């Protein structure tokens, strides 16, 4: 039998501290027990200088749902050519605080404020993204072009 886990201020503070220290400037806390669980549920702390490369989930069961718990994110939806077709600010307690993106839709997020934490859910089992799921028109994470591209996306908000 697993133990009940409470999502409280100390847990969030610890996750934010991990994100600050992480090279990718974000930290995940899996709420699911195993990578092959039928539902993937996690908390993510993200810093404003973290780059999330635009991507899509091709598997027909991999819709992705995200809710902002604290702070603010910008969500961007792209067409096949990489043009932004929708951009929304999501903010804890704001007018928009989450999204549900269907499979096959190019999307990304940018962090708009320090201390941002969100919850994410999608169908399991966990599968890493394959090459076809990374936007070919967006710089790779860690590339010299990535910081400027991230900044341009953030500037939309």
Protein backbone atom coordinates (compact mmCIF):
# COMPACT_ATOMS: atom_id res chain seq x y z
CA UNK A 1 0.00 0.00 0.00
CA UNK A 2 1.39 3.40 -0.93
CA UNK A 3 1.49 6.42 1.32
CA UNK A 4 -0.76 9.45 0.91
CA UNK A 5 1.19 12.41 -0.41
CA UNK A 6 0.05 15.94 0.31
CA UNK A 7 0.84 18.78 -2.06
CA UNK A 8 1.69 21.50 0.42
CA UNK A 9 3.95 24.53 0.82
CA UNK A 10 7.05 22.57 1.97
CA UNK A 11 6.79 20.15 -0.97
CA UNK A 12 6.41 23.04 -3.45
CA UNK A 13 9.30 24.98 -1.87
CA UNK A 14 11.55 21.92 -2.17
CA UNK A 15 10.56 21.41 -5.82
CA UNK A 16 11.26 25.07 -6.60
CA UNK A 17 14.67 24.78 -4.94
CA UNK A 18 15.44 21.74 -7.09
CA UNK A 19 14.46 23.66 -10.23
CA UNK A 20 16.76 26.55 -9.31
CA UNK A 21 19.68 24.12 -8.99
CA UNK A 22 18.90 22.04 -12.10
CA UNK A 23 20.80 22.59 -15.35
CA UNK A 24 17.49 22.60 -17.30
CA UNK A 25 16.03 25.06 -14.74
CA UNK A 26 13.02 22.86 -14.01
CA UNK A 27 12.28 19.93 -11.73
CA UNK A 28 9.65 17.18 -11.89
CA UNK A 29 7.99 15.23 -9.13
CA UNK A 30 6.24 12.13 -10.43
CA UNK A 31 3.01 11.42 -8.60
CA UNK A 32 2.56 8.12 -10.43
CA UNK A 33 4.41 5.12 -9.01
CA UNK A 34 5.95 3.62 -12.15
CA UNK A 35 6.77 4.76 -15.69
CA UNK A 36 4.45 2.08 -17.06
CA UNK A 37 1.44 3.27 -15.02
CA UNK A 38 -1.65 3.93 -17.17
CA UNK A 39 -1.75 7.59 -16.10
CA UNK A 40 1.24 9.89 -15.85
CA UNK A 41 0.75 12.62 -13.22
CA UNK A 42 3.46 15.03 -12.17
CA UNK A 43 4.26 18.38 -10.66
CA UNK A 44 6.76 20.63 -12.41
CA UNK A 45 8.58 23.66 -11.01
CA UNK A 46 10.00 25.85 -13.76
CA UNK A 47 12.24 28.93 -13.83
CA UNK A 48 11.79 31.80 -16.31
CA UNK A 49 15.04 30.88 -18.10
CA UNK A 50 14.00 27.25 -18.78
CA UNK A 51 13.49 26.40 -22.45
CA UNK A 52 10.75 23.94 -23.37
CA UNK A 53 11.22 23.13 -27.06
CA UNK A 54 7.98 23.10 -29.05
CA UNK A 55 6.73 19.57 -29.54
CA UNK A 56 3.66 17.43 -30.12
CA UNK A 57 2.53 14.02 -28.94
CA UNK A 58 1.75 11.78 -31.90
CA UNK A 59 0.19 8.81 -30.09
CA UNK A 60 -3.61 9.12 -30.26
CA UNK A 61 -3.89 8.55 -26.50
CA UNK A 62 -1.40 11.27 -25.51
CA UNK A 63 -3.53 14.36 -24.97
CA UNK A 64 -1.80 16.55 -22.39
CA UNK A 65 -3.52 18.50 -19.63
CA UNK A 66 -1.75 21.16 -17.59
CA UNK A 67 -2.90 23.32 -14.64
CA UNK A 68 -0.93 26.23 -13.16
CA UNK A 69 -0.79 25.87 -9.37
CA UNK A 70 1.22 29.03 -8.69
CA UNK A 71 2.91 31.64 -10.82
CA UNK A 72 2.30 32.13 -14.54
CA UNK A 73 3.01 30.41 -17.84
CA UNK A 74 2.55 31.37 -21.45
CA UNK A 75 1.22 28.58 -23.65
CA UNK A 76 1.87 28.71 -27.36
CA UNK A 77 0.20 26.67 -30.09
CA UNK A 78 1.89 26.49 -33.49
CA UNK A 79 0.88 25.52 -36.99
CA UNK A 80 2.91 23.03 -39.05
CA UNK A 81 5.23 25.81 -40.30
CA UNK A 82 6.03 27.02 -36.78
CA UNK A 83 3.83 30.12 -36.85
CA UNK A 84 2.06 30.87 -33.58
CA UNK A 85 -1.67 30.23 -33.98
CA UNK A 86 -2.60 30.85 -30.34
CA UNK A 87 -0.85 32.32 -27.31
CA UNK A 88 -2.48 32.51 -23.90
CA UNK A 89 -1.30 33.57 -20.49
CA UNK A 90 -2.16 30.99 -17.84
CA UNK A 91 -2.02 32.11 -14.24
CA UNK A 92 -2.98 30.54 -10.94
CA UNK A 93 -6.28 32.18 -10.00
CA UNK A 94 -6.40 34.05 -13.31
CA UNK A 95 -8.86 34.04 -16.19
CA UNK A 96 -7.07 31.05 -17.79
CA UNK A 97 -5.19 28.62 -15.58
CA UNK A 98 -4.76 25.50 -17.70
CA UNK A 99 -5.04 23.78 -21.05
CA UNK A 100 -5.85 20.47 -22.63
CA UNK A 101 -3.95 19.96 -25.88
CA UNK A 102 -4.94 17.10 -28.19
CA UNK A 103 -2.42 14.73 -29.75
CA UNK A 104 -0.64 16.01 -32.85
CA UNK A 105 -0.80 19.72 -31.91
CA UNK A 106 2.50 21.60 -31.77
CA UNK A 107 2.79 23.42 -28.44
CA UNK A 108 5.18 24.82 -25.88
CA UNK A 109 5.19 26.77 -22.64
CA UNK A 110 7.30 29.59 -21.31
CA UNK A 111 7.60 30.54 -17.67
CA UNK A 112 6.48 34.11 -17.01
CA UNK A 113 7.23 34.45 -13.30
CA UNK A 114 9.64 33.03 -10.73
CA UNK A 115 8.11 30.45 -8.41
CA UNK A 116 5.92 28.87 -11.09
CA UNK A 117 4.63 25.34 -10.49
CA UNK A 118 2.18 23.36 -12.60
CA UNK A 119 0.55 19.95 -12.60
CA UNK A 120 0.57 17.83 -15.75
CA UNK A 121 -1.31 14.69 -16.69
CA UNK A 122 -1.38 12.44 -19.73
CA UNK A 123 -1.99 8.80 -20.52
CA UNK A 124 0.76 6.34 -19.74
CA UNK A 125 2.93 4.53 -20.06
CA UNK A 126 5.72 7.08 -20.19
CA UNK A 127 7.43 7.20 -23.57
CA UNK A 128 10.18 9.70 -24.41
CA UNK A 129 9.49 11.95 -27.38
CA UNK A 130 10.82 10.65 -30.68
CA UNK A 131 12.48 12.82 -33.35
CA UNK A 132 9.19 13.35 -35.26
CA UNK A 133 7.61 14.87 -32.12
CA UNK A 134 10.17 17.69 -31.78
CA UNK A 135 9.42 20.79 -33.85
CA UNK A 136 11.95 20.86 -36.70
CA UNK A 137 11.67 24.66 -36.93
CA UNK A 138 12.62 25.26 -33.26
CA UNK A 139 16.14 25.18 -31.82
CA UNK A 140 17.18 22.14 -29.84
CA UNK A 141 17.43 22.44 -26.08
CA UNK A 142 20.97 23.46 -25.14
CA UNK A 143 21.74 24.93 -28.56
CA UNK A 144 23.23 28.44 -28.80
CA UNK A 145 20.00 29.64 -30.49
CA UNK A 146 17.65 28.36 -27.76
CA UNK A 147 17.91 31.31 -25.29
CA UNK A 148 17.04 33.91 -27.96
CA UNK A 149 14.16 31.79 -29.25
CA UNK A 150 12.81 31.35 -25.68
CA UNK A 151 13.08 35.10 -25.09
CA UNK A 152 11.17 35.80 -28.33
CA UNK A 153 8.41 33.43 -27.21
CA UNK A 154 8.25 35.07 -23.77
CA UNK A 155 8.03 38.48 -25.42
CA UNK A 156 4.63 37.45 -26.84
CA UNK A 157 3.26 37.92 -23.32
